[in-house]
Structures are given as C-alpha cells and as structure tokens.
C-alpha cells in the first residue's frame, strides 16, 4: 500500500469517521491492569499519536511504563538536505522525549533499537529477540495494529503479536495510518475486537500539546520543499479525539 500524505491527500475526513456511528457503540476498554505497560513505537511520535491517552492513565495509576523505540525515524524527509545537516534521527528522539514529558512522563524509560526506518521487516528477527526478552506474562504490550498500512507498523504489530503469544503478555493494538486509508463504512477494521478508551479533557489537551513537540513532522525544517512538515492538521485531528481506539487481541493470543 502506497501511503501519500500531504494537503492534497488527506484520506478520510474526521467528520466521516465521527459520523460512521462505530465509535459510539464500542465497548469501553476499562481500567488498565498490568504489572508494566510496554509501548512499541515504529517511529518517534507513534507512541503519542496512538497511545498518548493510555500512557497518561498509566502514569496516574502508577503503572510502570517502558517504550521500545524501534527506529529513529530518520527517513521521514529522504530528500531533505536540512535533515542531514542537523541530524534528523537525534532530533526526532529529542522530540519524543519532550512529547512524553508533556504527557507527564518526566523521565521516560526508552530502549532504542536503531533499526533502519522503512526497513524494519529486513531486521525483524532483531526486534523479535528484543521483545521476547523484554515481555513478561503480566505485562501489557501496546503496539501498532499489524495491518495498519505502513510496512514498519505492520511488522512491529505482527512481531508484538507473536511475542505476546510466546510470553503470555496481554496485547492492545493502536491505529495510526489506518485512519488515513480505511473506509469508515467498510469492513477494513475488526470492530468486534475494538475497544474505546475515553480520555479526560485534561488528558486530551496534554496529548494535543504533546503532538506539537514533533516539530520536524508538523513544521518546515528548512527552505526546501522536501523540508515541509509532513503531517497536516487535518490528519492530526484524528489523534486529538476524546477517546482512543484499540484492537484487543489478548483473548486470541492467550
């Protein structure tokens, strides 16, 4: 699947998703229960876009958190000279830390694997080994959906699924790119497995504030066309909802 995201390719509108009727009928996710929550992020920003609400709630409930940063997101501006000049990988890592601090996670525990952005599949075994040695039966793994539509997201989701089956950890999948390509009135999403996680007004505001920390993704980083922000506000609104949607595959893997 070729994902084109810019002001001319905004995918399904937020209004079409909200008017589809799916969100209102989903069962609630319920209180978080885990010894620890391990969030898997294919790229810096996915952890906030997909699971910023759960991260905040875990902090309130004093559930230990860990973030597995699979890539450094260095391929987001492949034709940008400015990105090379100031070191995009480290810049995006710093943005992730700042975003997590805005969520209230002041000293985030981040494990960086440094797999190549856009080629996680070619290094899947390394990711599998990391998750297999990290996850425990009483952990909750929060990872992208294994059919999210971006190759790095898909392989991260599939590897998390396999690792949870092997270790006995619970699993929730979050959506990022699904909101861009899926049909709100179609059968692309397994709604029977989806759960709605309502966030408070404060959690919603902090999540929106946190998305602004990803400056390389929402603003121009240089004078070139290739340096333009790649996430228009119309896309970001999907992550500023009063709820998050998760695919709960725990019963399928246990």
C-alpha atoms as a PDB file:
ATOM      1  CA  UNK A   1       0.000   0.000   0.000  1.00  0.00           C
ATOM      2  CA  UNK A   2       1.385   3.403  -1.012  1.00  0.00           C
ATOM      3  CA  UNK A   3       0.664   5.992   1.673  1.00  0.00           C
ATOM      4  CA  UNK A   4       0.629   9.544   0.334  1.00  0.00           C
ATOM      5  CA  UNK A   5       0.081  12.172   2.996  1.00  0.00           C
ATOM      6  CA  UNK A   6       0.007  15.876   2.207  1.00  0.00           C
ATOM      7  CA  UNK A   7      -2.513  18.701   1.901  1.00  0.00           C
ATOM      8  CA  UNK A   8      -3.845  17.177  -1.323  1.00  0.00           C
ATOM      9  CA  UNK A   9      -4.042  13.619   0.063  1.00  0.00           C
ATOM     10  CA  UNK A  10      -5.769  13.785   3.443  1.00  0.00           C
ATOM     11  CA  UNK A  11      -7.515  10.421   3.314  1.00  0.00           C
ATOM     12  CA  UNK A  12     -10.863  10.003   5.030  1.00  0.00           C
ATOM     13  CA  UNK A  13     -12.116  13.127   6.749  1.00  0.00           C
ATOM     14  CA  UNK A  14     -12.507  13.214  10.511  1.00  0.00           C
ATOM     15  CA  UNK A  15     -16.159  14.031  10.014  1.00  0.00           C
ATOM     16  CA  UNK A  16     -16.701  10.831   8.044  1.00  0.00           C
ATOM     17  CA  UNK A  17     -15.203   8.803  10.878  1.00  0.00           C
ATOM     18  CA  UNK A  18     -17.238  10.522  13.564  1.00  0.00           C
ATOM     19  CA  UNK A  19     -20.442  10.188  11.539  1.00  0.00           C
ATOM     20  CA  UNK A  20     -19.914   6.488  10.805  1.00  0.00           C
ATOM     21  CA  UNK A  21     -21.507   5.516  14.124  1.00  0.00           C
ATOM     22  CA  UNK A  22     -18.833   2.978  15.057  1.00  0.00           C
ATOM     23  CA  UNK A  23     -17.230   4.868  17.919  1.00  0.00           C
ATOM     24  CA  UNK A  24     -20.418   5.355  19.912  1.00  0.00           C
ATOM     25  CA  UNK A  25     -21.218   1.638  20.058  1.00  0.00           C
ATOM     26  CA  UNK A  26     -17.815   0.252  21.025  1.00  0.00           C
ATOM     27  CA  UNK A  27     -17.451  -1.322  24.485  1.00  0.00           C
ATOM     28  CA  UNK A  28     -15.114   0.519  26.856  1.00  0.00           C
ATOM     29  CA  UNK A  29     -11.596  -0.719  27.395  1.00  0.00           C
ATOM     30  CA  UNK A  30     -11.943  -0.471  31.151  1.00  0.00           C
ATOM     31  CA  UNK A  31      -9.283   0.180  33.824  1.00  0.00           C
ATOM     32  CA  UNK A  32      -5.697  -0.602  32.935  1.00  0.00           C
ATOM     33  CA  UNK A  33      -4.398  -3.677  34.739  1.00  0.00           C
ATOM     34  CA  UNK A  34      -0.792  -4.748  34.278  1.00  0.00           C
ATOM     35  CA  UNK A  35       2.469  -5.052  36.149  1.00  0.00           C
ATOM     36  CA  UNK A  36       4.018  -2.900  33.440  1.00  0.00           C
ATOM     37  CA  UNK A  37       2.975  -1.390  30.114  1.00  0.00           C
ATOM     38  CA  UNK A  38       5.408  -1.713  27.200  1.00  0.00           C
ATOM     39  CA  UNK A  39       4.684   0.639  24.290  1.00  0.00           C
ATOM     40  CA  UNK A  40       6.170  -0.253  20.895  1.00  0.00           C
ATOM     41  CA  UNK A  41       6.765   2.726  18.577  1.00  0.00           C
ATOM     42  CA  UNK A  42       7.923   2.107  14.990  1.00  0.00           C
ATOM     43  CA  UNK A  43       8.919   5.792  14.722  1.00  0.00           C
ATOM     44  CA  UNK A  44       9.238   8.664  17.196  1.00  0.00           C
ATOM     45  CA  UNK A  45       5.690  10.114  17.526  1.00  0.00           C
ATOM     46  CA  UNK A  46       3.689   6.881  17.066  1.00  0.00           C
ATOM     47  CA  UNK A  47       3.681   6.310  20.829  1.00  0.00           C
ATOM     48  CA  UNK A  48       1.938   9.654  21.397  1.00  0.00           C
ATOM     49  CA  UNK A  49      -0.408   9.602  18.397  1.00  0.00           C
ATOM     50  CA  UNK A  50      -1.580   6.055  19.039  1.00  0.00           C
ATOM     51  CA  UNK A  51      -1.342   5.640  22.811  1.00  0.00           C
ATOM     52  CA  UNK A  52      -0.913   9.060  24.418  1.00  0.00           C
ATOM     53  CA  UNK A  53      -4.066   8.611  26.469  1.00  0.00           C
ATOM     54  CA  UNK A  54      -3.093   5.194  27.813  1.00  0.00           C
ATOM     55  CA  UNK A  55       0.375   6.498  28.673  1.00  0.00           C
ATOM     56  CA  UNK A  56      -1.121   9.299  30.745  1.00  0.00           C
ATOM     57  CA  UNK A  57      -3.557   6.997  32.514  1.00  0.00           C
ATOM     58  CA  UNK A  58      -0.769   4.545  33.344  1.00  0.00           C
ATOM     59  CA  UNK A  59       1.177   7.375  34.955  1.00  0.00           C
ATOM     60  CA  UNK A  60      -1.866   8.313  37.065  1.00  0.00           C
ATOM     61  CA  UNK A  61      -2.333   4.678  38.108  1.00  0.00           C
ATOM     62  CA  UNK A  62       1.404   4.394  38.844  1.00  0.00           C
ATOM     63  CA  UNK A  63       1.825   1.520  36.405  1.00  0.00           C
ATOM     64  CA  UNK A  64       5.474   1.354  35.275  1.00  0.00           C
ATOM     65  CA  UNK A  65       5.989   2.237  31.626  1.00  0.00           C
ATOM     66  CA  UNK A  66       8.619   1.294  29.070  1.00  0.00           C
ATOM     67  CA  UNK A  67       8.961   2.487  25.489  1.00  0.00           C
ATOM     68  CA  UNK A  68      10.596   0.424  22.745  1.00  0.00           C
ATOM     69  CA  UNK A  69      11.713   2.858  20.019  1.00  0.00           C
ATOM     70  CA  UNK A  70      12.167   0.605  17.012  1.00  0.00           C
ATOM     71  CA  UNK A  71      13.599   3.131  14.527  1.00  0.00           C
ATOM     72  CA  UNK A  72      14.881   6.671  14.859  1.00  0.00           C
ATOM     73  CA  UNK A  73      12.565   7.968  12.131  1.00  0.00           C
ATOM     74  CA  UNK A  74      15.498   9.122  10.053  1.00  0.00           C
ATOM     75  CA  UNK A  75      13.746   8.511   6.712  1.00  0.00           C
ATOM     76  CA  UNK A  76      10.831  10.922   7.167  1.00  0.00           C
ATOM     77  CA  UNK A  77      12.498  13.540   4.923  1.00  0.00           C
ATOM     78  CA  UNK A  78      14.529  11.421   2.459  1.00  0.00           C
ATOM     79  CA  UNK A  79      15.286  14.320   0.076  1.00  0.00           C
ATOM     80  CA  UNK A  80      15.991  16.964   2.693  1.00  0.00           C
ATOM     81  CA  UNK A  81      19.456  18.480   2.977  1.00  0.00           C
ATOM     82  CA  UNK A  82      18.457  20.260   6.182  1.00  0.00           C
ATOM     83  CA  UNK A  83      17.532  16.947   7.809  1.00  0.00           C
ATOM     84  CA  UNK A  84      21.016  15.601   7.174  1.00  0.00           C
ATOM     85  CA  UNK A  85      22.627  18.822   8.364  1.00  0.00           C
ATOM     86  CA  UNK A  86      21.143  18.848  11.851  1.00  0.00           C
ATOM     87  CA  UNK A  87      20.864  15.078  12.379  1.00  0.00           C
ATOM     88  CA  UNK A  88      17.235  14.101  11.941  1.00  0.00           C
ATOM     89  CA  UNK A  89      17.475  10.860  13.940  1.00  0.00           C
ATOM     90  CA  UNK A  90      18.661  12.549  17.127  1.00  0.00           C
ATOM     91  CA  UNK A  91      16.317  15.465  16.609  1.00  0.00           C
ATOM     92  CA  UNK A  92      13.310  13.144  16.422  1.00  0.00           C
ATOM     93  CA  UNK A  93      14.484  11.277  19.525  1.00  0.00           C
ATOM     94  CA  UNK A  94      14.653  14.548  21.451  1.00  0.00           C
ATOM     95  CA  UNK A  95      11.187  15.440  20.188  1.00  0.00           C
ATOM     96  CA  UNK A  96       9.879  12.134  21.525  1.00  0.00           C
ATOM     97  CA  UNK A  97      11.363  12.802  24.959  1.00  0.00           C
ATOM     98  CA  UNK A  98       9.830  16.284  25.045  1.00  0.00           C
ATOM     99  CA  UNK A  99       6.430  14.962  23.920  1.00  0.00           C
ATOM    100  CA  UNK A 100       6.444  12.305  26.638  1.00  0.00           C
ATOM    101  CA  UNK A 101       7.350  14.929  29.228  1.00  0.00           C
ATOM    102  CA  UNK A 102       4.355  16.973  28.084  1.00  0.00           C
ATOM    103  CA  UNK A 103       2.237  13.914  28.809  1.00  0.00           C
ATOM    104  CA  UNK A 104       3.660  13.834  32.328  1.00  0.00           C
ATOM    105  CA  UNK A 105       6.308  11.149  31.835  1.00  0.00           C
ATOM    106  CA  UNK A 106       9.245  13.189  33.083  1.00  0.00           C
ATOM    107  CA  UNK A 107      11.947  10.536  32.922  1.00  0.00           C
ATOM    108  CA  UNK A 108      10.854   8.168  30.138  1.00  0.00           C
ATOM    109  CA  UNK A 109      12.439   4.718  30.010  1.00  0.00           C
ATOM    110  CA  UNK A 110      13.246   4.371  26.315  1.00  0.00           C
ATOM    111  CA  UNK A 111      15.004   1.425  24.697  1.00  0.00           C
ATOM    112  CA  UNK A 112      16.236   2.386  21.243  1.00  0.00           C
ATOM    113  CA  UNK A 113      16.871  -0.486  18.819  1.00  0.00           C
ATOM    114  CA  UNK A 114      18.035   1.730  15.926  1.00  0.00           C
ATOM    115  CA  UNK A 115      16.533  -0.431  13.196  1.00  0.00           C
ATOM    116  CA  UNK A 116      16.516   1.256   9.776  1.00  0.00           C
ATOM    117  CA  UNK A 117      13.496   3.421   9.140  1.00  0.00           C
ATOM    118  CA  UNK A 118      11.329   1.906   6.350  1.00  0.00           C
ATOM    119  CA  UNK A 119      13.116  -1.469   6.559  1.00  0.00           C
ATOM    120  CA  UNK A 120      12.101  -2.970   9.888  1.00  0.00           C
ATOM    121  CA  UNK A 121      10.961  -6.116   8.079  1.00  0.00           C
ATOM    122  CA  UNK A 122      14.510  -6.780   6.963  1.00  0.00           C
ATOM    123  CA  UNK A 123      15.573  -6.774  10.627  1.00  0.00           C
ATOM    124  CA  UNK A 124      12.517  -8.395  12.178  1.00  0.00           C
ATOM    125  CA  UNK A 125      14.488 -11.062  13.987  1.00  0.00           C
ATOM    126  CA  UNK A 126      16.325  -8.398  15.988  1.00  0.00           C
ATOM    127  CA  UNK A 127      13.021  -6.865  17.020  1.00  0.00           C
ATOM    128  CA  UNK A 128      11.603 -10.282  17.881  1.00  0.00           C
ATOM    129  CA  UNK A 129      14.557 -11.048  20.136  1.00  0.00           C
ATOM    130  CA  UNK A 130      14.221  -7.720  21.923  1.00  0.00           C
ATOM    131  CA  UNK A 131      10.507  -8.158  22.633  1.00  0.00           C
ATOM    132  CA  UNK A 132      10.867 -11.822  23.565  1.00  0.00           C
ATOM    133  CA  UNK A 133      13.473 -11.000  26.207  1.00  0.00           C
ATOM    134  CA  UNK A 134      11.625  -7.904  27.448  1.00  0.00           C
ATOM    135  CA  UNK A 135       7.998  -9.011  27.814  1.00  0.00           C
ATOM    136  CA  UNK A 136       6.655 -10.917  30.825  1.00  0.00           C
ATOM    137  CA  UNK A 137       3.305 -12.720  31.340  1.00  0.00           C
ATOM    138  CA  UNK A 138       1.864  -9.893  33.468  1.00  0.00           C
ATOM    139  CA  UNK A 139       2.888  -7.113  31.077  1.00  0.00           C
ATOM    140  CA  UNK A 140       0.590  -5.258  28.701  1.00  0.00           C
ATOM    141  CA  UNK A 141       2.136  -4.620  25.292  1.00  0.00           C
ATOM    142  CA  UNK A 142       0.700  -1.671  23.336  1.00  0.00           C
ATOM    143  CA  UNK A 143       1.803  -1.789  19.695  1.00  0.00           C
ATOM    144  CA  UNK A 144       0.580  -0.643  16.277  1.00  0.00           C
ATOM    145  CA  UNK A 145      -2.061  -2.749  14.547  1.00  0.00           C
ATOM    146  CA  UNK A 146      -0.451  -5.433  12.415  1.00  0.00           C
ATOM    147  CA  UNK A 147      -2.476  -4.258   9.408  1.00  0.00           C
ATOM    148  CA  UNK A 148      -2.001  -0.510   9.953  1.00  0.00           C
ATOM    149  CA  UNK A 149      -0.849   0.041   6.379  1.00  0.00           C
ATOM    150  CA  UNK A 150       2.748   1.247   6.837  1.00  0.00           C
ATOM    151  CA  UNK A 151       5.305  -1.571   6.418  1.00  0.00           C
ATOM    152  CA  UNK A 152       7.173  -0.680   9.612  1.00  0.00           C
ATOM    153  CA  UNK A 153       3.934  -0.504  11.599  1.00  0.00           C
ATOM    154  CA  UNK A 154       2.693  -3.804  10.213  1.00  0.00           C
ATOM    155  CA  UNK A 155       5.838  -5.738  11.065  1.00  0.00           C
ATOM    156  CA  UNK A 156       6.035  -4.156  14.543  1.00  0.00           C
ATOM    157  CA  UNK A 157       2.432  -5.147  15.177  1.00  0.00           C
ATOM    158  CA  UNK A 158       2.919  -8.676  13.886  1.00  0.00           C
ATOM    159  CA  UNK A 159       6.102  -9.149  15.902  1.00  0.00           C
ATOM    160  CA  UNK A 160       4.382  -7.861  19.037  1.00  0.00           C
ATOM    161  CA  UNK A 161       1.519 -10.287  18.390  1.00  0.00           C
ATOM    162  CA  UNK A 162       3.915 -13.226  18.067  1.00  0.00           C
ATOM    163  CA  UNK A 163       5.964 -12.142  21.087  1.00  0.00           C
ATOM    164  CA  UNK A 164       2.893 -11.803  23.281  1.00  0.00           C
ATOM    165  CA  UNK A 165       1.754 -15.281  22.252  1.00  0.00           C
ATOM    166  CA  UNK A 166       5.181 -16.627  23.207  1.00  0.00           C
ATOM    167  CA  UNK A 167       5.482 -14.799  26.535  1.00  0.00           C
ATOM    168  CA  UNK A 168       1.861 -14.625  27.708  1.00  0.00           C
ATOM    169  CA  UNK A 169       1.784 -10.817  27.802  1.00  0.00           C
ATOM    170  CA  UNK A 170      -1.513  -9.079  27.058  1.00  0.00           C
ATOM    171  CA  UNK A 171      -1.770  -7.064  23.849  1.00  0.00           C
ATOM    172  CA  UNK A 172      -3.521  -3.947  22.602  1.00  0.00           C
ATOM    173  CA  UNK A 173      -3.069  -2.608  19.071  1.00  0.00           C
ATOM    174  CA  UNK A 174      -3.379   1.097  18.278  1.00  0.00           C
ATOM    175  CA  UNK A 175      -4.154   2.719  14.936  1.00  0.00           C
ATOM    176  CA  UNK A 176      -2.141   5.431  13.193  1.00  0.00           C
ATOM    177  CA  UNK A 177      -2.269   5.068   9.409  1.00  0.00           C
ATOM    178  CA  UNK A 178      -5.494   3.071   9.412  1.00  0.00           C
ATOM    179  CA  UNK A 179      -7.378   6.335   9.937  1.00  0.00           C
ATOM    180  CA  UNK A 180      -5.856   7.588   6.690  1.00  0.00           C
ATOM    181  CA  UNK A 181      -6.679   4.772   4.265  1.00  0.00           C
ATOM    182  CA  UNK A 182      -9.552   2.740   5.761  1.00  0.00           C
ATOM    183  CA  UNK A 183     -13.204   3.157   4.774  1.00  0.00           C
ATOM    184  CA  UNK A 184     -15.311   4.293   7.760  1.00  0.00           C
ATOM    185  CA  UNK A 185     -18.299   2.439   6.347  1.00  0.00           C
ATOM    186  CA  UNK A 186     -16.408  -0.614   5.143  1.00  0.00           C
ATOM    187  CA  UNK A 187     -15.069  -3.788   6.722  1.00  0.00           C
ATOM    188  CA  UNK A 188     -11.383  -2.807   6.897  1.00  0.00           C
ATOM    189  CA  UNK A 189     -11.338  -2.589  10.708  1.00  0.00           C
ATOM    190  CA  UNK A 190     -12.192  -5.532  13.023  1.00  0.00           C
ATOM    191  CA  UNK A 191     -14.775  -3.574  15.012  1.00  0.00           C
ATOM    192  CA  UNK A 192     -15.763  -6.657  17.019  1.00  0.00           C
ATOM    193  CA  UNK A 193     -12.300  -6.625  18.609  1.00  0.00           C
ATOM    194  CA  UNK A 194     -12.118  -2.864  19.104  1.00  0.00           C
ATOM    195  CA  UNK A 195     -12.419  -1.123  22.443  1.00  0.00           C
ATOM    196  CA  UNK A 196     -12.913   2.562  23.197  1.00  0.00           C
ATOM    197  CA  UNK A 197     -10.637   4.240  25.722  1.00  0.00           C
ATOM    198  CA  UNK A 198     -12.135   7.546  26.824  1.00  0.00           C
ATOM    199  CA  UNK A 199      -9.722  10.286  27.831  1.00  0.00           C
ATOM    200  CA  UNK A 200     -10.436  13.212  30.112  1.00  0.00           C
ATOM    201  CA  UNK A 201     -10.409  16.819  28.927  1.00  0.00           C
ATOM    202  CA  UNK A 202      -7.027  17.298  30.600  1.00  0.00           C
ATOM    203  CA  UNK A 203      -5.569  14.166  29.000  1.00  0.00           C
ATOM    204  CA  UNK A 204      -6.866  15.259  25.624  1.00  0.00           C
ATOM    205  CA  UNK A 205      -5.335  18.731  25.988  1.00  0.00           C
ATOM    206  CA  UNK A 206      -1.984  17.314  27.050  1.00  0.00           C
ATOM    207  CA  UNK A 207      -1.975  14.894  24.133  1.00  0.00           C
ATOM    208  CA  UNK A 208      -2.603  17.739  21.706  1.00  0.00           C
ATOM    209  CA  UNK A 209       0.174  19.746  23.367  1.00  0.00           C
ATOM    210  CA  UNK A 210       2.486  16.728  23.072  1.00  0.00           C
ATOM    211  CA  UNK A 211       1.899  16.364  19.330  1.00  0.00           C
ATOM    212  CA  UNK A 212       3.260  19.873  18.908  1.00  0.00           C
ATOM    213  CA  UNK A 213       6.636  18.690  20.204  1.00  0.00           C
ATOM    214  CA  UNK A 214       7.242  16.802  16.943  1.00  0.00           C
ATOM    215  CA  UNK A 215       8.420  19.896  15.117  1.00  0.00           C
ATOM    216  CA  UNK A 216      10.093  18.019  12.259  1.00  0.00           C
ATOM    217  CA  UNK A 217       6.781  16.394  11.423  1.00  0.00           C
ATOM    218  CA  UNK A 218       4.425  19.364  11.678  1.00  0.00           C
ATOM    219  CA  UNK A 219       6.627  22.312  10.611  1.00  0.00           C
ATOM    220  CA  UNK A 220       9.139  23.083   7.877  1.00  0.00           C
ATOM    221  CA  UNK A 221      12.740  22.329   8.893  1.00  0.00           C
ATOM    222  CA  UNK A 222      14.468  24.164   6.032  1.00  0.00           C
ATOM    223  CA  UNK A 223      13.898  26.165   2.847  1.00  0.00           C
ATOM    224  CA  UNK A 224      13.371  23.181   0.553  1.00  0.00           C
ATOM    225  CA  UNK A 225      10.054  21.667  -0.482  1.00  0.00           C
ATOM    226  CA  UNK A 226      11.288  18.351   0.950  1.00  0.00           C
ATOM    227  CA  UNK A 227      11.662  20.014   4.351  1.00  0.00           C
ATOM    228  CA  UNK A 228       7.955  20.789   4.768  1.00  0.00           C
ATOM    229  CA  UNK A 229       6.011  19.336   7.672  1.00  0.00           C
ATOM    230  CA  UNK A 230       4.505  16.024   6.589  1.00  0.00           C
ATOM    231  CA  UNK A 231       1.550  15.829   8.987  1.00  0.00           C
ATOM    232  CA  UNK A 232      -1.197  18.352   8.151  1.00  0.00           C
ATOM    233  CA  UNK A 233      -3.512  19.476  10.954  1.00  0.00           C
ATOM    234  CA  UNK A 234      -6.433  17.678   9.312  1.00  0.00           C
ATOM    235  CA  UNK A 235      -4.577  14.416   9.907  1.00  0.00           C
ATOM    236  CA  UNK A 236      -3.521  15.315  13.442  1.00  0.00           C
ATOM    237  CA  UNK A 237      -7.145  15.897  14.471  1.00  0.00           C
ATOM    238  CA  UNK A 238      -7.638  12.124  14.371  1.00  0.00           C
ATOM    239  CA  UNK A 239      -5.321  11.879  17.358  1.00  0.00           C
ATOM    240  CA  UNK A 240      -6.964  14.715  19.315  1.00  0.00           C
ATOM    241  CA  UNK A 241     -10.254  12.901  19.877  1.00  0.00           C
ATOM    242  CA  UNK A 242     -11.852  12.459  23.291  1.00  0.00           C
ATOM    243  CA  UNK A 243     -11.040   8.754  23.026  1.00  0.00           C
ATOM    244  CA  UNK A 244      -8.548   6.268  21.609  1.00  0.00           C
ATOM    245  CA  UNK A 245      -9.471   3.062  19.807  1.00  0.00           C
ATOM    246  CA  UNK A 246      -7.616  -0.192  20.402  1.00  0.00           C
ATOM    247  CA  UNK A 247      -7.798  -3.655  18.927  1.00  0.00           C
ATOM    248  CA  UNK A 248      -7.852  -6.034  21.886  1.00  0.00           C
ATOM    249  CA  UNK A 249      -6.285  -9.326  20.794  1.00  0.00           C
ATOM    250  CA  UNK A 250      -5.458 -10.583  24.270  1.00  0.00           C
ATOM    251  CA  UNK A 251      -8.002 -13.423  24.165  1.00  0.00           C
ATOM    252  CA  UNK A 252      -6.715 -14.513  20.756  1.00  0.00           C
ATOM    253  CA  UNK A 253      -3.146 -14.929  21.949  1.00  0.00           C
ATOM    254  CA  UNK A 254      -3.646 -16.407  25.422  1.00  0.00           C
END
